[in-house]
């Protein structure tokens, strides 16, 4: 039997594993993996990285693309974190392409009895605050000010780039005497006057 035919199997002996059992095993592996991420300030993990980590740690593999099962595992992690009174560890999991949490992040809100957040950036801000709670709870080394919520690095880069592109350039400073553009020193090259 090939890996494709098996779907879910144990690496140790190749025996088949039921889908629901694989999800439970991977959830048990995902929790400590996410706690490890939470111990590094501003660290995140991609869905694909977590999918590989849980398969490697558990010894249960699949030929099914992680997009079809990682959400189910993270939903179980959300419930387990809530049961334990831990912050939502799934806030640490982001898409590699854009650095955003997935739509499944709504599970965090649902379990906490909060309404869904439709706006993506509002959801990202919520996830950033949840990540900070994870870093604090699981003992990450924080800056002296206690740390700040932050977007995932890839998303932060994109947001910063878009904001910079949207900001119109400042008009040049002009000498009121000569009507020439001032250099950065703000001393007019023509009349020599210092312009505040």
C-alpha atoms as a PDB file:
ATOM      1  CA  UNK A   1       0.000   0.000   0.000  1.00  0.00           C
ATOM      2  CA  UNK A   2       1.419   3.411  -0.972  1.00  0.00           C
ATOM      3  CA  UNK A   3       1.411   6.516   1.228  1.00  0.00           C
ATOM      4  CA  UNK A   4      -1.319   8.031  -0.966  1.00  0.00           C
ATOM      5  CA  UNK A   5      -3.579   5.030  -0.363  1.00  0.00           C
ATOM      6  CA  UNK A   6      -2.995   5.013   3.383  1.00  0.00           C
ATOM      7  CA  UNK A   7      -3.875   8.664   3.976  1.00  0.00           C
ATOM      8  CA  UNK A   8      -2.876   8.667   7.665  1.00  0.00           C
ATOM      9  CA  UNK A   9      -0.295   6.266   9.108  1.00  0.00           C
ATOM     10  CA  UNK A  10       2.259   5.668  11.857  1.00  0.00           C
ATOM     11  CA  UNK A  11       5.829   6.124  10.715  1.00  0.00           C
ATOM     12  CA  UNK A  12       7.063   3.389  13.044  1.00  0.00           C
ATOM     13  CA  UNK A  13       5.193   0.514  11.429  1.00  0.00           C
ATOM     14  CA  UNK A  14       3.114   1.976   8.592  1.00  0.00           C
ATOM     15  CA  UNK A  15      -0.169   1.070  10.296  1.00  0.00           C
ATOM     16  CA  UNK A  16      -3.228   3.108   9.355  1.00  0.00           C
ATOM     17  CA  UNK A  17      -4.512   5.765  11.723  1.00  0.00           C
ATOM     18  CA  UNK A  18      -8.096   7.057  11.760  1.00  0.00           C
ATOM     19  CA  UNK A  19      -8.454  10.706  10.795  1.00  0.00           C
ATOM     20  CA  UNK A  20     -10.021  11.657  14.134  1.00  0.00           C
ATOM     21  CA  UNK A  21      -7.251   9.857  16.024  1.00  0.00           C
ATOM     22  CA  UNK A  22      -4.596  11.670  13.946  1.00  0.00           C
ATOM     23  CA  UNK A  23      -6.196  15.016  14.864  1.00  0.00           C
ATOM     24  CA  UNK A  24      -6.051  14.150  18.571  1.00  0.00           C
ATOM     25  CA  UNK A  25      -2.434  12.981  18.367  1.00  0.00           C
ATOM     26  CA  UNK A  26      -1.442  16.099  16.442  1.00  0.00           C
ATOM     27  CA  UNK A  27      -3.239  18.344  18.916  1.00  0.00           C
ATOM     28  CA  UNK A  28      -1.187  16.799  21.714  1.00  0.00           C
ATOM     29  CA  UNK A  29       1.962  17.525  19.708  1.00  0.00           C
ATOM     30  CA  UNK A  30       0.830  21.016  18.647  1.00  0.00           C
ATOM     31  CA  UNK A  31       0.296  22.309  22.173  1.00  0.00           C
ATOM     32  CA  UNK A  32       3.928  21.992  23.360  1.00  0.00           C
ATOM     33  CA  UNK A  33       5.187  23.110  19.938  1.00  0.00           C
ATOM     34  CA  UNK A  34       3.146  26.315  20.262  1.00  0.00           C
ATOM     35  CA  UNK A  35       4.260  26.820  23.861  1.00  0.00           C
ATOM     36  CA  UNK A  36       7.858  26.698  22.573  1.00  0.00           C
ATOM     37  CA  UNK A  37       7.016  29.415  20.035  1.00  0.00           C
ATOM     38  CA  UNK A  38       5.360  31.480  22.793  1.00  0.00           C
ATOM     39  CA  UNK A  39       8.608  31.451  24.760  1.00  0.00           C
ATOM     40  CA  UNK A  40      10.248  33.696  22.124  1.00  0.00           C
ATOM     41  CA  UNK A  41       9.028  37.296  22.076  1.00  0.00           C
ATOM     42  CA  UNK A  42       7.353  38.205  18.755  1.00  0.00           C
ATOM     43  CA  UNK A  43       7.874  34.689  17.361  1.00  0.00           C
ATOM     44  CA  UNK A  44       5.273  33.115  15.101  1.00  0.00           C
ATOM     45  CA  UNK A  45       5.028  29.830  13.208  1.00  0.00           C
ATOM     46  CA  UNK A  46       3.463  29.178   9.814  1.00  0.00           C
ATOM     47  CA  UNK A  47       0.698  26.665   9.275  1.00  0.00           C
ATOM     48  CA  UNK A  48       3.019  24.517   7.150  1.00  0.00           C
ATOM     49  CA  UNK A  49       5.820  24.611   9.750  1.00  0.00           C
ATOM     50  CA  UNK A  50       3.423  23.582  12.498  1.00  0.00           C
ATOM     51  CA  UNK A  51       1.931  20.818  10.332  1.00  0.00           C
ATOM     52  CA  UNK A  52       5.382  19.343   9.741  1.00  0.00           C
ATOM     53  CA  UNK A  53       6.365  19.753  13.405  1.00  0.00           C
ATOM     54  CA  UNK A  54       3.313  17.879  14.700  1.00  0.00           C
ATOM     55  CA  UNK A  55       3.776  15.051  12.235  1.00  0.00           C
ATOM     56  CA  UNK A  56       7.440  14.750  13.136  1.00  0.00           C
ATOM     57  CA  UNK A  57       6.834  14.926  16.904  1.00  0.00           C
ATOM     58  CA  UNK A  58       3.918  12.484  16.885  1.00  0.00           C
ATOM     59  CA  UNK A  59       5.182   9.967  14.369  1.00  0.00           C
ATOM     60  CA  UNK A  60       1.798  10.103  12.629  1.00  0.00           C
ATOM     61  CA  UNK A  61       2.002  11.205   9.000  1.00  0.00           C
ATOM     62  CA  UNK A  62      -0.405  12.005   6.223  1.00  0.00           C
ATOM     63  CA  UNK A  63      -0.303  12.483   2.480  1.00  0.00           C
ATOM     64  CA  UNK A  64      -3.233  14.899   2.790  1.00  0.00           C
ATOM     65  CA  UNK A  65      -2.320  18.555   2.301  1.00  0.00           C
ATOM     66  CA  UNK A  66      -2.185  20.388   5.642  1.00  0.00           C
ATOM     67  CA  UNK A  67      -4.789  22.890   4.417  1.00  0.00           C
ATOM     68  CA  UNK A  68      -7.376  20.135   4.803  1.00  0.00           C
ATOM     69  CA  UNK A  69      -6.611  19.210   8.422  1.00  0.00           C
ATOM     70  CA  UNK A  70      -4.525  21.805  10.299  1.00  0.00           C
ATOM     71  CA  UNK A  71      -7.613  23.913  11.026  1.00  0.00           C
ATOM     72  CA  UNK A  72      -9.268  20.995  12.804  1.00  0.00           C
ATOM     73  CA  UNK A  73      -6.151  20.491  14.931  1.00  0.00           C
ATOM     74  CA  UNK A  74      -5.985  24.196  15.783  1.00  0.00           C
ATOM     75  CA  UNK A  75      -9.681  24.211  16.724  1.00  0.00           C
ATOM     76  CA  UNK A  76      -8.876  21.478  19.266  1.00  0.00           C
ATOM     77  CA  UNK A  77      -5.879  23.519  20.509  1.00  0.00           C
ATOM     78  CA  UNK A  78      -8.177  26.539  20.992  1.00  0.00           C
ATOM     79  CA  UNK A  79     -10.502  24.486  23.179  1.00  0.00           C
ATOM     80  CA  UNK A  80      -7.648  22.963  25.164  1.00  0.00           C
ATOM     81  CA  UNK A  81      -6.065  26.374  25.813  1.00  0.00           C
ATOM     82  CA  UNK A  82      -9.429  27.704  26.960  1.00  0.00           C
ATOM     83  CA  UNK A  83      -9.944  24.681  29.219  1.00  0.00           C
ATOM     84  CA  UNK A  84      -6.516  25.204  30.806  1.00  0.00           C
ATOM     85  CA  UNK A  85      -6.988  28.957  31.194  1.00  0.00           C
ATOM     86  CA  UNK A  86      -4.060  29.647  28.838  1.00  0.00           C
ATOM     87  CA  UNK A  87      -4.041  32.440  26.270  1.00  0.00           C
ATOM     88  CA  UNK A  88      -4.998  31.410  22.723  1.00  0.00           C
ATOM     89  CA  UNK A  89      -1.843  29.782  21.371  1.00  0.00           C
ATOM     90  CA  UNK A  90      -3.325  29.605  17.882  1.00  0.00           C
ATOM     91  CA  UNK A  91      -2.706  33.365  17.560  1.00  0.00           C
ATOM     92  CA  UNK A  92       0.929  32.369  16.981  1.00  0.00           C
ATOM     93  CA  UNK A  93       0.078  30.518  13.753  1.00  0.00           C
ATOM     94  CA  UNK A  94       0.124  32.586  10.554  1.00  0.00           C
ATOM     95  CA  UNK A  95       0.076  32.086   6.804  1.00  0.00           C
ATOM     96  CA  UNK A  96       3.539  32.063   5.217  1.00  0.00           C
ATOM     97  CA  UNK A  97       2.397  34.181   2.268  1.00  0.00           C
ATOM     98  CA  UNK A  98       0.999  37.174   4.162  1.00  0.00           C
ATOM     99  CA  UNK A  99       1.722  36.696   7.883  1.00  0.00           C
ATOM    100  CA  UNK A 100      -1.968  36.750   8.805  1.00  0.00           C
ATOM    101  CA  UNK A 101      -3.922  34.427  11.055  1.00  0.00           C
ATOM    102  CA  UNK A 102      -6.513  32.394   9.203  1.00  0.00           C
ATOM    103  CA  UNK A 103     -10.266  32.693   9.295  1.00  0.00           C
ATOM    104  CA  UNK A 104     -10.183  29.836  11.813  1.00  0.00           C
ATOM    105  CA  UNK A 105      -8.940  32.385  14.342  1.00  0.00           C
ATOM    106  CA  UNK A 106     -12.649  33.110  14.821  1.00  0.00           C
ATOM    107  CA  UNK A 107     -12.670  29.925  16.973  1.00  0.00           C
ATOM    108  CA  UNK A 108     -10.660  31.855  19.582  1.00  0.00           C
ATOM    109  CA  UNK A 109     -13.401  34.467  19.743  1.00  0.00           C
ATOM    110  CA  UNK A 110     -16.232  31.925  19.751  1.00  0.00           C
ATOM    111  CA  UNK A 111     -14.741  29.922  22.643  1.00  0.00           C
ATOM    112  CA  UNK A 112     -14.275  33.154  24.601  1.00  0.00           C
ATOM    113  CA  UNK A 113     -17.910  34.111  23.944  1.00  0.00           C
ATOM    114  CA  UNK A 114     -16.940  37.079  21.751  1.00  0.00           C
ATOM    115  CA  UNK A 115     -18.531  37.980  18.419  1.00  0.00           C
ATOM    116  CA  UNK A 116     -16.629  37.283  15.185  1.00  0.00           C
ATOM    117  CA  UNK A 117     -14.378  40.011  13.807  1.00  0.00           C
ATOM    118  CA  UNK A 118     -15.136  40.616  10.139  1.00  0.00           C
ATOM    119  CA  UNK A 119     -12.400  43.155   9.383  1.00  0.00           C
ATOM    120  CA  UNK A 120      -9.083  41.414   8.699  1.00  0.00           C
ATOM    121  CA  UNK A 121      -6.902  44.107  10.266  1.00  0.00           C
ATOM    122  CA  UNK A 122      -9.084  44.261  13.387  1.00  0.00           C
ATOM    123  CA  UNK A 123      -8.692  40.475  13.634  1.00  0.00           C
ATOM    124  CA  UNK A 124      -4.917  40.854  13.215  1.00  0.00           C
ATOM    125  CA  UNK A 125      -4.802  43.430  16.016  1.00  0.00           C
ATOM    126  CA  UNK A 126      -6.747  41.052  18.257  1.00  0.00           C
ATOM    127  CA  UNK A 127      -4.322  38.243  17.380  1.00  0.00           C
ATOM    128  CA  UNK A 128      -1.347  40.526  18.106  1.00  0.00           C
ATOM    129  CA  UNK A 129      -2.709  41.218  21.590  1.00  0.00           C
ATOM    130  CA  UNK A 130      -3.332  37.484  22.085  1.00  0.00           C
ATOM    131  CA  UNK A 131       0.255  36.720  21.030  1.00  0.00           C
ATOM    132  CA  UNK A 132       1.564  39.189  23.613  1.00  0.00           C
ATOM    133  CA  UNK A 133      -0.562  37.444  26.248  1.00  0.00           C
ATOM    134  CA  UNK A 134       1.037  34.139  25.156  1.00  0.00           C
ATOM    135  CA  UNK A 135       4.575  35.558  25.382  1.00  0.00           C
ATOM    136  CA  UNK A 136       3.874  36.892  28.855  1.00  0.00           C
ATOM    137  CA  UNK A 137       2.118  33.744  30.082  1.00  0.00           C
ATOM    138  CA  UNK A 138       4.707  31.278  28.822  1.00  0.00           C
ATOM    139  CA  UNK A 139       7.771  33.200  29.996  1.00  0.00           C
ATOM    140  CA  UNK A 140       9.254  34.827  26.902  1.00  0.00           C
ATOM    141  CA  UNK A 141      12.027  37.281  27.676  1.00  0.00           C
ATOM    142  CA  UNK A 142      10.223  40.596  27.315  1.00  0.00           C
ATOM    143  CA  UNK A 143      11.631  44.117  27.034  1.00  0.00           C
ATOM    144  CA  UNK A 144      11.657  46.277  30.155  1.00  0.00           C
ATOM    145  CA  UNK A 145       8.369  47.948  29.168  1.00  0.00           C
ATOM    146  CA  UNK A 146       6.580  44.566  29.222  1.00  0.00           C
ATOM    147  CA  UNK A 147       6.344  44.265  25.458  1.00  0.00           C
ATOM    148  CA  UNK A 148       3.853  45.430  22.887  1.00  0.00           C
ATOM    149  CA  UNK A 149       1.344  43.652  20.675  1.00  0.00           C
ATOM    150  CA  UNK A 150       2.827  43.324  17.194  1.00  0.00           C
ATOM    151  CA  UNK A 151       1.679  42.120  13.835  1.00  0.00           C
ATOM    152  CA  UNK A 152       3.518  39.079  12.499  1.00  0.00           C
ATOM    153  CA  UNK A 153       6.774  40.209  10.812  1.00  0.00           C
ATOM    154  CA  UNK A 154       5.659  39.563   7.210  1.00  0.00           C
ATOM    155  CA  UNK A 155       2.347  41.366   7.735  1.00  0.00           C
ATOM    156  CA  UNK A 156       4.043  44.258   9.532  1.00  0.00           C
ATOM    157  CA  UNK A 157       6.396  44.712   6.569  1.00  0.00           C
ATOM    158  CA  UNK A 158       3.470  44.778   4.161  1.00  0.00           C
ATOM    159  CA  UNK A 159       1.464  47.225   6.268  1.00  0.00           C
ATOM    160  CA  UNK A 160       4.481  49.516   6.715  1.00  0.00           C
ATOM    161  CA  UNK A 161       5.223  49.451   2.972  1.00  0.00           C
ATOM    162  CA  UNK A 162       1.602  50.270   2.114  1.00  0.00           C
ATOM    163  CA  UNK A 163       1.499  53.111   4.649  1.00  0.00           C
ATOM    164  CA  UNK A 164       4.709  54.577   3.271  1.00  0.00           C
ATOM    165  CA  UNK A 165       3.362  54.422  -0.277  1.00  0.00           C
ATOM    166  CA  UNK A 166       0.113  56.099   0.816  1.00  0.00           C
ATOM    167  CA  UNK A 167       1.859  58.968   2.612  1.00  0.00           C
ATOM    168  CA  UNK A 168       2.373  61.875   0.228  1.00  0.00           C
ATOM    169  CA  UNK A 169       5.885  63.269   0.184  1.00  0.00           C
ATOM    170  CA  UNK A 170       6.405  66.402   2.249  1.00  0.00           C
ATOM    171  CA  UNK A 171       6.801  69.504   0.105  1.00  0.00           C
ATOM    172  CA  UNK A 172      10.312  70.904   0.153  1.00  0.00           C
ATOM    173  CA  UNK A 173      11.138  73.770   2.509  1.00  0.00           C
ATOM    174  CA  UNK A 174      11.536  77.055   0.648  1.00  0.00           C
ATOM    175  CA  UNK A 175      13.617  80.075   1.672  1.00  0.00           C
ATOM    176  CA  UNK A 176      11.155  82.958   2.183  1.00  0.00           C
ATOM    177  CA  UNK A 177      13.812  85.450   0.974  1.00  0.00           C
ATOM    178  CA  UNK A 178      15.155  83.755  -2.163  1.00  0.00           C
ATOM    179  CA  UNK A 179      12.335  81.334  -2.890  1.00  0.00           C
ATOM    180  CA  UNK A 180      14.834  78.528  -3.397  1.00  0.00           C
ATOM    181  CA  UNK A 181      14.563  75.021  -1.968  1.00  0.00           C
ATOM    182  CA  UNK A 182      16.445  74.700   1.320  1.00  0.00           C
ATOM    183  CA  UNK A 183      18.967  71.912   1.913  1.00  0.00           C
ATOM    184  CA  UNK A 184      18.555  69.582   4.903  1.00  0.00           C
ATOM    185  CA  UNK A 185      20.646  71.977   7.043  1.00  0.00           C
ATOM    186  CA  UNK A 186      17.918  74.606   6.523  1.00  0.00           C
ATOM    187  CA  UNK A 187      20.610  77.192   5.713  1.00  0.00           C
ATOM    188  CA  UNK A 188      19.855  78.850   2.390  1.00  0.00           C
ATOM    189  CA  UNK A 189      22.617  78.258  -0.173  1.00  0.00           C
ATOM    190  CA  UNK A 190      21.827  81.586  -1.846  1.00  0.00           C
ATOM    191  CA  UNK A 191      21.441  84.066   1.041  1.00  0.00           C
ATOM    192  CA  UNK A 192      23.072  82.038   3.830  1.00  0.00           C
ATOM    193  CA  UNK A 193      20.202  82.630   6.235  1.00  0.00           C
ATOM    194  CA  UNK A 194      19.182  79.930   8.749  1.00  0.00           C
ATOM    195  CA  UNK A 195      15.472  79.197   8.290  1.00  0.00           C
ATOM    196  CA  UNK A 196      13.659  77.604  11.281  1.00  0.00           C
END
